[in-house]
Amino acid sequence: MEYRAATIDDVPALVALVESAYRGDASRAGWTTEADFLDGQRTDPEEIARLVGTPKNLVLMAFDPDLVACCHLAEVDGAGYFGMFAVAPGLQGGGVGRAVLAEAERVLASWGLPEVRMKVIDRRAELIAWYERRGYANTGELTPFPYGDERFGKPLADDLRFVTMVKSLDARGGQAVG
């Protein structure tokens, strides 16, 4: 796989990829869909353009040879942040996500950050377990879903929360620990 940072010209392709991985019937081809408890959009062009243009943020794109995955990396409060992780639904379960996650961890470690943090909807037990198998720990820290802000989707349930997961990074070797 080849990786590169997104530019403003990539925004439409990124929106399409993220939406296909998380929402609607197309997302059901993969195992990471949120379509059972969220409707509406996962992101929009304005949000991705903002991420692409903000310091200490990187939207990492993966190609094989076409765009197959992306994620958002950032430095937040002295730690790495990993989010907006999307793999083309038809390619989920084939190792693409594992490879992109490893590259994201390598990039964050190269920034000299001690750990990577992410938030996952707590009802996604299978996805949380996938991250745990890759060395992430569930901190037990819960954050409420932003109800009423349709930029994040239209909830189909009234009990959505995010759990924070964390993994230590080894900045010297550019590798994740664990």
N, C-alpha and C. Protein backbone atom coordinates (compact mmCIF):
# COMPACT_ATOMS: atom_id res chain seq x y z
N MET A 1 0.84 -1.18 0.00
CA MET A 1 0.00 0.00 0.00
C MET A 1 0.89 1.24 0.00
N GLU A 2 0.37 2.28 -0.60
CA GLU A 2 1.05 3.58 -0.59
C GLU A 2 0.22 4.54 0.24
N TYR A 3 0.92 5.43 0.93
CA TYR A 3 0.26 6.38 1.82
C TYR A 3 0.67 7.80 1.43
N ARG A 4 -0.27 8.73 1.64
CA ARG A 4 0.06 10.14 1.49
C ARG A 4 -0.96 10.97 2.26
N ALA A 5 -0.54 12.21 2.53
CA ALA A 5 -1.42 13.16 3.20
C ALA A 5 -2.46 13.67 2.22
N ALA A 6 -3.66 13.85 2.69
CA ALA A 6 -4.73 14.39 1.86
C ALA A 6 -4.50 15.87 1.61
N THR A 7 -5.01 16.31 0.47
CA THR A 7 -5.03 17.72 0.12
C THR A 7 -6.49 18.13 -0.06
N ILE A 8 -6.71 19.39 -0.25
CA ILE A 8 -8.07 19.90 -0.45
C ILE A 8 -8.72 19.25 -1.67
N ASP A 9 -7.92 18.88 -2.67
CA ASP A 9 -8.47 18.23 -3.87
C ASP A 9 -9.02 16.84 -3.59
N ASP A 10 -8.62 16.23 -2.46
CA ASP A 10 -9.06 14.88 -2.11
C ASP A 10 -10.37 14.85 -1.35
N VAL A 11 -10.88 16.00 -0.96
CA VAL A 11 -12.06 16.06 -0.09
C VAL A 11 -13.24 15.25 -0.64
N PRO A 12 -13.65 15.39 -1.90
CA PRO A 12 -14.81 14.62 -2.36
C PRO A 12 -14.61 13.09 -2.26
N ALA A 13 -13.43 12.61 -2.61
CA ALA A 13 -13.17 11.17 -2.52
C ALA A 13 -13.17 10.70 -1.07
N LEU A 14 -12.65 11.52 -0.17
CA LEU A 14 -12.64 11.15 1.24
C LEU A 14 -14.05 11.11 1.82
N VAL A 15 -14.87 12.09 1.50
CA VAL A 15 -16.25 12.07 1.98
C VAL A 15 -16.95 10.81 1.50
N ALA A 16 -16.80 10.47 0.23
CA ALA A 16 -17.45 9.27 -0.32
C ALA A 16 -16.97 8.01 0.39
N LEU A 17 -15.68 7.90 0.64
CA LEU A 17 -15.14 6.72 1.32
C LEU A 17 -15.68 6.61 2.74
N VAL A 18 -15.61 7.70 3.49
CA VAL A 18 -16.06 7.68 4.89
C VAL A 18 -17.55 7.36 4.97
N GLU A 19 -18.34 8.00 4.13
CA GLU A 19 -19.78 7.72 4.15
C GLU A 19 -20.07 6.26 3.81
N SER A 20 -19.37 5.71 2.83
CA SER A 20 -19.61 4.32 2.43
C SER A 20 -19.22 3.33 3.52
N ALA A 21 -18.25 3.68 4.34
CA ALA A 21 -17.80 2.77 5.39
C ALA A 21 -18.68 2.80 6.63
N TYR A 22 -19.37 3.91 6.86
CA TYR A 22 -20.12 4.07 8.11
C TYR A 22 -21.64 4.08 7.97
N ARG A 23 -22.16 4.61 6.89
CA ARG A 23 -23.59 4.88 6.82
C ARG A 23 -24.25 4.24 5.62
N GLY A 24 -25.54 4.00 5.76
CA GLY A 24 -26.36 3.52 4.66
C GLY A 24 -26.10 2.07 4.28
N ASP A 25 -26.83 1.62 3.27
CA ASP A 25 -26.75 0.23 2.85
C ASP A 25 -25.37 -0.17 2.35
N ALA A 26 -24.65 0.74 1.72
CA ALA A 26 -23.30 0.42 1.22
C ALA A 26 -22.40 -0.03 2.36
N SER A 27 -22.57 0.56 3.53
CA SER A 27 -21.70 0.23 4.66
C SER A 27 -21.94 -1.19 5.18
N ARG A 28 -23.08 -1.77 4.88
CA ARG A 28 -23.40 -3.12 5.37
C ARG A 28 -22.57 -4.19 4.68
N ALA A 29 -21.86 -3.85 3.60
CA ALA A 29 -20.97 -4.80 2.94
C ALA A 29 -19.74 -5.07 3.80
N GLY A 30 -19.44 -4.20 4.73
CA GLY A 30 -18.32 -4.38 5.65
C GLY A 30 -18.83 -4.69 7.04
N TRP A 31 -17.91 -4.83 7.99
CA TRP A 31 -18.31 -5.16 9.35
C TRP A 31 -18.25 -3.97 10.30
N THR A 32 -17.87 -2.78 9.81
CA THR A 32 -17.74 -1.62 10.69
C THR A 32 -18.89 -0.64 10.57
N THR A 33 -19.98 -1.04 9.96
CA THR A 33 -21.11 -0.14 9.76
C THR A 33 -21.69 0.39 11.08
N GLU A 34 -22.18 1.61 11.02
CA GLU A 34 -22.94 2.19 12.13
C GLU A 34 -24.40 2.38 11.74
N ALA A 35 -24.78 1.83 10.60
CA ALA A 35 -26.10 2.06 10.04
C ALA A 35 -27.24 1.55 10.92
N ASP A 36 -26.96 0.64 11.83
CA ASP A 36 -28.01 0.12 12.70
C ASP A 36 -28.40 1.09 13.81
N PHE A 37 -27.51 2.04 14.13
CA PHE A 37 -27.84 2.96 15.21
C PHE A 37 -27.59 4.43 14.87
N LEU A 38 -27.11 4.70 13.65
CA LEU A 38 -26.94 6.08 13.20
C LEU A 38 -27.35 6.21 11.75
N ASP A 39 -28.09 7.24 11.45
CA ASP A 39 -28.48 7.56 10.08
C ASP A 39 -27.85 8.91 9.75
N GLY A 40 -28.09 9.38 8.56
CA GLY A 40 -27.55 10.67 8.18
C GLY A 40 -26.07 10.58 7.84
N GLN A 41 -25.40 11.70 7.90
CA GLN A 41 -24.00 11.76 7.47
C GLN A 41 -23.04 11.36 8.59
N ARG A 42 -21.85 10.91 8.20
CA ARG A 42 -20.75 10.68 9.15
C ARG A 42 -19.80 11.88 9.13
N THR A 43 -19.66 12.50 7.95
CA THR A 43 -18.84 13.69 7.81
C THR A 43 -19.37 14.49 6.63
N ASP A 44 -18.72 15.60 6.34
CA ASP A 44 -19.12 16.40 5.19
C ASP A 44 -17.88 17.09 4.62
N PRO A 45 -17.99 17.66 3.44
CA PRO A 45 -16.81 18.30 2.82
C PRO A 45 -16.20 19.40 3.68
N GLU A 46 -17.01 20.15 4.37
CA GLU A 46 -16.49 21.24 5.20
C GLU A 46 -15.63 20.70 6.34
N GLU A 47 -16.07 19.64 6.96
CA GLU A 47 -15.31 19.06 8.07
C GLU A 47 -13.96 18.51 7.59
N ILE A 48 -13.97 17.77 6.49
CA ILE A 48 -12.71 17.21 6.00
C ILE A 48 -11.79 18.32 5.52
N ALA A 49 -12.32 19.33 4.86
CA ALA A 49 -11.50 20.46 4.43
C ALA A 49 -10.88 21.16 5.64
N ARG A 50 -11.64 21.28 6.71
CA ARG A 50 -11.11 21.89 7.94
C ARG A 50 -9.95 21.06 8.49
N LEU A 51 -10.12 19.74 8.53
CA LEU A 51 -9.05 18.87 9.05
C LEU A 51 -7.79 18.97 8.19
N VAL A 52 -7.98 18.97 6.86
CA VAL A 52 -6.85 19.04 5.94
C VAL A 52 -6.09 20.36 6.12
N GLY A 53 -6.78 21.42 6.46
CA GLY A 53 -6.16 22.72 6.54
C GLY A 53 -5.75 23.17 7.93
N THR A 54 -5.83 22.31 8.94
CA THR A 54 -5.54 22.70 10.31
C THR A 54 -4.18 22.15 10.75
N PRO A 55 -3.33 23.00 11.35
CA PRO A 55 -2.04 22.52 11.85
C PRO A 55 -2.21 21.39 12.87
N LYS A 56 -1.21 20.52 12.95
CA LYS A 56 -1.19 19.37 13.85
C LYS A 56 -2.30 18.38 13.54
N ASN A 57 -2.77 18.38 12.29
CA ASN A 57 -3.77 17.44 11.81
C ASN A 57 -3.27 16.85 10.50
N LEU A 58 -3.59 15.60 10.26
CA LEU A 58 -3.24 14.92 9.02
C LEU A 58 -4.37 13.96 8.67
N VAL A 59 -4.87 14.05 7.46
CA VAL A 59 -5.77 13.01 6.97
C VAL A 59 -4.90 12.14 6.09
N LEU A 60 -4.67 10.93 6.57
CA LEU A 60 -3.80 9.97 5.91
C LEU A 60 -4.64 9.12 4.96
N MET A 61 -4.18 9.03 3.71
CA MET A 61 -4.88 8.24 2.69
C MET A 61 -4.04 7.03 2.33
N ALA A 62 -4.71 5.89 2.09
CA ALA A 62 -4.04 4.65 1.69
C ALA A 62 -4.56 4.24 0.32
N PHE A 63 -3.63 3.89 -0.56
CA PHE A 63 -3.96 3.51 -1.93
C PHE A 63 -3.43 2.12 -2.23
N ASP A 64 -4.20 1.35 -3.03
CA ASP A 64 -3.77 0.01 -3.44
C ASP A 64 -4.48 -0.46 -4.70
N PRO A 65 -4.31 0.06 -5.87
CA PRO A 65 -3.70 1.34 -6.22
C PRO A 65 -4.68 2.50 -6.04
N ASP A 66 -5.98 2.21 -5.95
CA ASP A 66 -6.98 3.26 -5.73
C ASP A 66 -7.10 3.53 -4.23
N LEU A 67 -7.83 4.59 -3.87
CA LEU A 67 -8.07 4.91 -2.47
C LEU A 67 -8.84 3.78 -1.82
N VAL A 68 -8.25 3.18 -0.76
CA VAL A 68 -8.89 2.06 -0.08
C VAL A 68 -9.19 2.36 1.39
N ALA A 69 -8.52 3.38 1.95
CA ALA A 69 -8.72 3.67 3.37
C ALA A 69 -8.21 5.06 3.70
N CYS A 70 -8.66 5.57 4.84
CA CYS A 70 -8.17 6.84 5.34
C CYS A 70 -8.35 6.88 6.85
N CYS A 71 -7.67 7.83 7.47
CA CYS A 71 -7.86 8.10 8.88
C CYS A 71 -7.41 9.52 9.17
N HIS A 72 -7.88 10.04 10.27
CA HIS A 72 -7.50 11.38 10.73
C HIS A 72 -6.55 11.21 11.90
N LEU A 73 -5.40 11.86 11.81
CA LEU A 73 -4.42 11.87 12.89
C LEU A 73 -4.24 13.30 13.36
N ALA A 74 -4.02 13.45 14.65
CA ALA A 74 -3.81 14.79 15.20
C ALA A 74 -3.02 14.70 16.48
N GLU A 75 -2.46 15.84 16.87
CA GLU A 75 -1.87 15.96 18.19
C GLU A 75 -2.86 16.75 19.04
N VAL A 76 -3.31 16.14 20.13
CA VAL A 76 -4.29 16.76 21.02
C VAL A 76 -3.78 16.62 22.45
N ASP A 77 -3.52 17.73 23.09
CA ASP A 77 -3.07 17.74 24.49
C ASP A 77 -1.86 16.85 24.71
N GLY A 78 -0.90 16.89 23.79
CA GLY A 78 0.35 16.15 23.93
C GLY A 78 0.28 14.67 23.63
N ALA A 79 -0.84 14.21 23.10
CA ALA A 79 -0.99 12.80 22.73
C ALA A 79 -1.49 12.72 21.28
N GLY A 80 -1.32 11.56 20.69
CA GLY A 80 -1.85 11.34 19.35
C GLY A 80 -3.33 11.05 19.41
N TYR A 81 -4.03 11.47 18.38
CA TYR A 81 -5.46 11.17 18.24
C TYR A 81 -5.64 10.44 16.91
N PHE A 82 -6.44 9.38 16.92
CA PHE A 82 -6.73 8.58 15.75
C PHE A 82 -8.24 8.54 15.60
N GLY A 83 -8.75 8.94 14.41
CA GLY A 83 -10.19 8.92 14.20
C GLY A 83 -10.53 8.90 12.73
N MET A 84 -11.81 8.98 12.45
CA MET A 84 -12.34 8.96 11.09
C MET A 84 -11.70 7.85 10.25
N PHE A 85 -11.55 6.69 10.86
CA PHE A 85 -10.92 5.55 10.23
C PHE A 85 -11.94 4.89 9.31
N ALA A 86 -11.63 4.83 8.04
CA ALA A 86 -12.55 4.24 7.07
C ALA A 86 -11.80 3.35 6.11
N VAL A 87 -12.32 2.15 5.93
CA VAL A 87 -11.80 1.20 4.94
C VAL A 87 -12.96 0.88 4.00
N ALA A 88 -12.69 0.86 2.71
CA ALA A 88 -13.74 0.53 1.74
C ALA A 88 -14.45 -0.75 2.19
N PRO A 89 -15.79 -0.74 2.27
CA PRO A 89 -16.53 -1.87 2.84
C PRO A 89 -16.16 -3.22 2.24
N GLY A 90 -15.98 -3.32 0.94
CA GLY A 90 -15.65 -4.60 0.32
C GLY A 90 -14.27 -5.12 0.66
N LEU A 91 -13.43 -4.29 1.25
CA LEU A 91 -12.07 -4.68 1.61
C LEU A 91 -11.90 -4.92 3.11
N GLN A 92 -12.93 -4.66 3.88
CA GLN A 92 -12.83 -4.85 5.33
C GLN A 92 -12.67 -6.34 5.64
N GLY A 93 -11.84 -6.61 6.63
CA GLY A 93 -11.58 -7.98 7.04
C GLY A 93 -10.45 -8.63 6.27
N GLY A 94 -9.79 -7.90 5.39
CA GLY A 94 -8.72 -8.47 4.57
C GLY A 94 -7.33 -7.96 4.90
N GLY A 95 -7.16 -7.24 6.01
CA GLY A 95 -5.85 -6.77 6.42
C GLY A 95 -5.55 -5.32 6.11
N VAL A 96 -6.40 -4.66 5.32
CA VAL A 96 -6.17 -3.25 4.98
C VAL A 96 -6.22 -2.40 6.25
N GLY A 97 -7.22 -2.57 7.06
CA GLY A 97 -7.35 -1.78 8.28
C GLY A 97 -6.18 -1.98 9.22
N ARG A 98 -5.75 -3.21 9.38
CA ARG A 98 -4.61 -3.51 10.25
C ARG A 98 -3.35 -2.77 9.76
N ALA A 99 -3.12 -2.78 8.44
CA ALA A 99 -1.96 -2.11 7.86
C ALA A 99 -2.05 -0.60 8.03
N VAL A 100 -3.22 -0.02 7.81
CA VAL A 100 -3.39 1.43 7.94
C VAL A 100 -3.24 1.85 9.40
N LEU A 101 -3.78 1.08 10.32
CA LEU A 101 -3.63 1.39 11.74
C LEU A 101 -2.15 1.38 12.13
N ALA A 102 -1.41 0.39 11.66
CA ALA A 102 0.03 0.33 11.96
C ALA A 102 0.77 1.54 11.39
N GLU A 103 0.42 1.96 10.19
CA GLU A 103 1.05 3.14 9.59
C GLU A 103 0.67 4.40 10.39
N ALA A 104 -0.57 4.50 10.81
CA ALA A 104 -1.00 5.65 11.61
C ALA A 104 -0.21 5.71 12.92
N GLU A 105 -0.04 4.58 13.57
CA GLU A 105 0.73 4.54 14.81
C GLU A 105 2.18 4.93 14.55
N ARG A 106 2.76 4.48 13.44
CA ARG A 106 4.14 4.82 13.09
C ARG A 106 4.27 6.34 12.91
N VAL A 107 3.31 6.94 12.20
CA VAL A 107 3.34 8.39 11.98
C VAL A 107 3.24 9.13 13.31
N LEU A 108 2.30 8.76 14.15
CA LEU A 108 2.13 9.45 15.43
C LEU A 108 3.37 9.29 16.31
N ALA A 109 3.98 8.11 16.31
CA ALA A 109 5.21 7.90 17.07
C ALA A 109 6.34 8.77 16.52
N SER A 110 6.38 8.93 15.19
CA SER A 110 7.43 9.77 14.59
C SER A 110 7.27 11.24 14.96
N TRP A 111 6.08 11.64 15.38
CA TRP A 111 5.84 13.00 15.86
C TRP A 111 6.32 13.16 17.30
N GLY A 112 6.80 12.07 17.90
CA GLY A 112 7.30 12.12 19.27
C GLY A 112 6.21 12.04 20.33
N LEU A 113 5.04 11.54 19.96
CA LEU A 113 3.92 11.47 20.89
C LEU A 113 3.99 10.18 21.71
N PRO A 114 3.67 10.23 23.00
CA PRO A 114 3.82 9.06 23.86
C PRO A 114 2.72 8.01 23.74
N GLU A 115 1.56 8.43 23.25
CA GLU A 115 0.45 7.49 23.16
C GLU A 115 -0.53 7.94 22.08
N VAL A 116 -1.40 7.02 21.71
CA VAL A 116 -2.48 7.33 20.77
C VAL A 116 -3.79 7.05 21.48
N ARG A 117 -4.75 7.96 21.26
CA ARG A 117 -6.07 7.83 21.87
C ARG A 117 -7.12 7.88 20.77
N MET A 118 -8.23 7.25 21.03
CA MET A 118 -9.36 7.26 20.10
C MET A 118 -10.64 7.12 20.89
N LYS A 119 -11.73 7.45 20.22
CA LYS A 119 -13.06 7.26 20.80
C LYS A 119 -13.85 6.36 19.88
N VAL A 120 -14.52 5.38 20.49
CA VAL A 120 -15.31 4.39 19.75
C VAL A 120 -16.69 4.33 20.41
N ILE A 121 -17.73 4.26 19.60
CA ILE A 121 -19.08 4.12 20.17
C ILE A 121 -19.12 2.84 20.99
N ASP A 122 -19.53 2.93 22.24
CA ASP A 122 -19.39 1.82 23.19
C ASP A 122 -20.21 0.59 22.83
N ARG A 123 -21.23 0.72 22.03
CA ARG A 123 -22.01 -0.46 21.68
C ARG A 123 -21.37 -1.27 20.56
N ARG A 124 -20.21 -0.85 20.06
CA ARG A 124 -19.52 -1.55 18.98
C ARG A 124 -18.50 -2.54 19.56
N ALA A 125 -19.02 -3.55 20.26
CA ALA A 125 -18.17 -4.50 20.98
C ALA A 125 -17.17 -5.20 20.06
N GLU A 126 -17.57 -5.56 18.87
CA GLU A 126 -16.68 -6.26 17.94
C GLU A 126 -15.51 -5.35 17.52
N LEU A 127 -15.79 -4.08 17.29
CA LEU A 127 -14.74 -3.15 16.91
C LEU A 127 -13.82 -2.86 18.10
N ILE A 128 -14.37 -2.70 19.27
CA ILE A 128 -13.55 -2.49 20.48
C ILE A 128 -12.64 -3.69 20.68
N ALA A 129 -13.15 -4.89 20.51
CA ALA A 129 -12.32 -6.10 20.64
C ALA A 129 -11.21 -6.12 19.60
N TRP A 130 -11.49 -5.66 18.38
CA TRP A 130 -10.48 -5.61 17.32
C TRP A 130 -9.33 -4.70 17.74
N TYR A 131 -9.67 -3.52 18.29
CA TYR A 131 -8.63 -2.61 18.77
C TYR A 131 -7.88 -3.21 19.97
N GLU A 132 -8.58 -3.88 20.85
CA GLU A 132 -7.91 -4.51 22.00
C GLU A 132 -6.90 -5.56 21.54
N ARG A 133 -7.23 -6.31 20.50
CA ARG A 133 -6.27 -7.30 19.96
C ARG A 133 -5.04 -6.62 19.37
N ARG A 134 -5.13 -5.34 19.08
CA ARG A 134 -4.00 -4.58 18.55
C ARG A 134 -3.32 -3.73 19.62
N GLY A 135 -3.62 -4.04 20.87
CA GLY A 135 -2.90 -3.41 21.98
C GLY A 135 -3.56 -2.21 22.62
N TYR A 136 -4.76 -1.87 22.21
CA TYR A 136 -5.46 -0.73 22.80
C TYR A 136 -6.17 -1.17 24.07
N ALA A 137 -6.19 -0.28 25.06
CA ALA A 137 -6.90 -0.55 26.31
C ALA A 137 -8.12 0.37 26.40
N ASN A 138 -9.22 -0.21 26.82
CA ASN A 138 -10.43 0.54 27.09
C ASN A 138 -10.24 1.24 28.43
N THR A 139 -10.22 2.57 28.42
CA THR A 139 -9.98 3.33 29.65
C THR A 139 -11.19 3.38 30.57
N GLY A 140 -12.36 3.05 30.04
CA GLY A 140 -13.59 3.17 30.81
C GLY A 140 -14.14 4.59 30.80
N GLU A 141 -13.38 5.53 30.24
CA GLU A 141 -13.83 6.92 30.15
C GLU A 141 -14.91 7.02 29.08
N LEU A 142 -16.08 7.51 29.47
CA LEU A 142 -17.21 7.63 28.55
C LEU A 142 -17.50 9.10 28.27
N THR A 143 -17.81 9.37 27.00
CA THR A 143 -18.17 10.71 26.55
C THR A 143 -19.53 10.61 25.87
N PRO A 144 -20.47 11.50 26.16
CA PRO A 144 -21.78 11.42 25.51
C PRO A 144 -21.70 11.68 24.01
N PHE A 145 -22.59 11.06 23.27
CA PHE A 145 -22.73 11.33 21.85
C PHE A 145 -23.27 12.74 21.69
N PRO A 146 -22.84 13.47 20.66
CA PRO A 146 -23.33 14.85 20.48
C PRO A 146 -24.74 14.90 19.87
N TYR A 147 -25.73 14.49 20.67
CA TYR A 147 -27.12 14.52 20.21
C TYR A 147 -27.49 15.94 19.81
N GLY A 148 -28.26 16.06 18.74
CA GLY A 148 -28.73 17.35 18.29
C GLY A 148 -27.79 18.02 17.28
N ASP A 149 -26.62 17.44 17.07
CA ASP A 149 -25.68 17.98 16.08
C ASP A 149 -25.62 17.01 14.91
N GLU A 150 -26.43 17.28 13.88
CA GLU A 150 -26.57 16.35 12.77
C GLU A 150 -25.32 16.22 11.91
N ARG A 151 -24.28 17.03 12.19
CA ARG A 151 -23.01 16.84 11.49
C ARG A 151 -22.43 15.46 11.80
N PHE A 152 -22.83 14.88 12.93
CA PHE A 152 -22.32 13.58 13.35
C PHE A 152 -23.31 12.45 13.11
N GLY A 153 -24.41 12.75 12.46
CA GLY A 153 -25.41 11.74 12.17
C GLY A 153 -26.69 11.95 12.95
N LYS A 154 -27.67 11.16 12.58
CA LYS A 154 -28.97 11.18 13.25
C LYS A 154 -29.11 9.89 14.04
N PRO A 155 -29.02 9.97 15.37
CA PRO A 155 -29.07 8.77 16.19
C PRO A 155 -30.40 8.03 16.07
N LEU A 156 -30.31 6.72 15.99
CA LEU A 156 -31.49 5.87 15.99
C LEU A 156 -31.67 5.21 17.36
N ALA A 157 -30.83 5.60 18.30
CA ALA A 157 -30.91 5.10 19.68
C ALA A 157 -30.61 6.27 20.61
N ASP A 158 -31.10 6.19 21.85
CA ASP A 158 -30.92 7.31 22.77
C ASP A 158 -29.85 7.05 23.83
N ASP A 159 -29.05 6.00 23.63
CA ASP A 159 -28.06 5.64 24.65
C ASP A 159 -26.63 5.57 24.09
N LEU A 160 -26.33 6.33 23.03
CA LEU A 160 -25.01 6.26 22.42
C LEU A 160 -23.99 7.05 23.23
N ARG A 161 -22.82 6.43 23.42
CA ARG A 161 -21.71 7.07 24.12
C ARG A 161 -20.42 6.62 23.44
N PHE A 162 -19.38 7.38 23.67
CA PHE A 162 -18.05 7.01 23.19
C PHE A 162 -17.23 6.52 24.37
N VAL A 163 -16.46 5.47 24.14
CA VAL A 163 -15.47 5.01 25.10
C VAL A 163 -14.10 5.42 24.56
N THR A 164 -13.22 5.85 25.45
CA THR A 164 -11.87 6.22 25.05
C THR A 164 -10.96 5.00 25.16
N MET A 165 -10.18 4.80 24.10
CA MET A 165 -9.19 3.71 24.07
C MET A 165 -7.82 4.34 23.89
N VAL A 166 -6.78 3.71 24.46
CA VAL A 166 -5.44 4.27 24.44
C VAL A 166 -4.41 3.17 24.23
N LYS A 167 -3.31 3.56 23.59
CA LYS A 167 -2.18 2.66 23.37
C LYS A 167 -0.90 3.47 23.47
N SER A 168 0.10 2.94 24.18
CA SER A 168 1.40 3.60 24.29
C SER A 168 2.17 3.45 23.00
N LEU A 169 2.94 4.48 22.68
CA LEU A 169 3.79 4.48 21.51
C LEU A 169 5.24 4.59 21.94
N ASP A 170 6.13 4.01 21.16
CA ASP A 170 7.57 4.13 21.39
C ASP A 170 8.11 5.09 20.34
N ALA A 171 8.31 6.34 20.72
CA ALA A 171 8.74 7.37 19.78
C ALA A 171 10.15 7.12 19.25
N ARG A 172 10.99 6.42 20.00
CA ARG A 172 12.36 6.19 19.55
C ARG A 172 12.38 5.31 18.31
N GLY A 173 11.59 4.25 18.33
CA GLY A 173 11.63 3.31 17.21
C GLY A 173 10.51 3.50 16.21
N GLY A 174 9.63 4.45 16.49
CA GLY A 174 8.53 4.68 15.57
C GLY A 174 7.53 3.55 15.57
N GLN A 175 7.47 2.79 16.64
CA GLN A 175 6.57 1.65 16.71
C GLN A 175 5.62 1.78 17.89
N ALA A 176 4.49 1.15 17.74
CA ALA A 176 3.56 1.09 18.87
C ALA A 176 4.04 0.03 19.85
N VAL A 177 3.76 0.23 21.11
CA VAL A 177 4.13 -0.71 22.13
C VAL A 177 2.92 -1.60 22.40
N GLY A 178 3.13 -2.91 22.42
CA GLY A 178 2.02 -3.82 22.72
C GLY A 178 1.67 -4.54 21.54
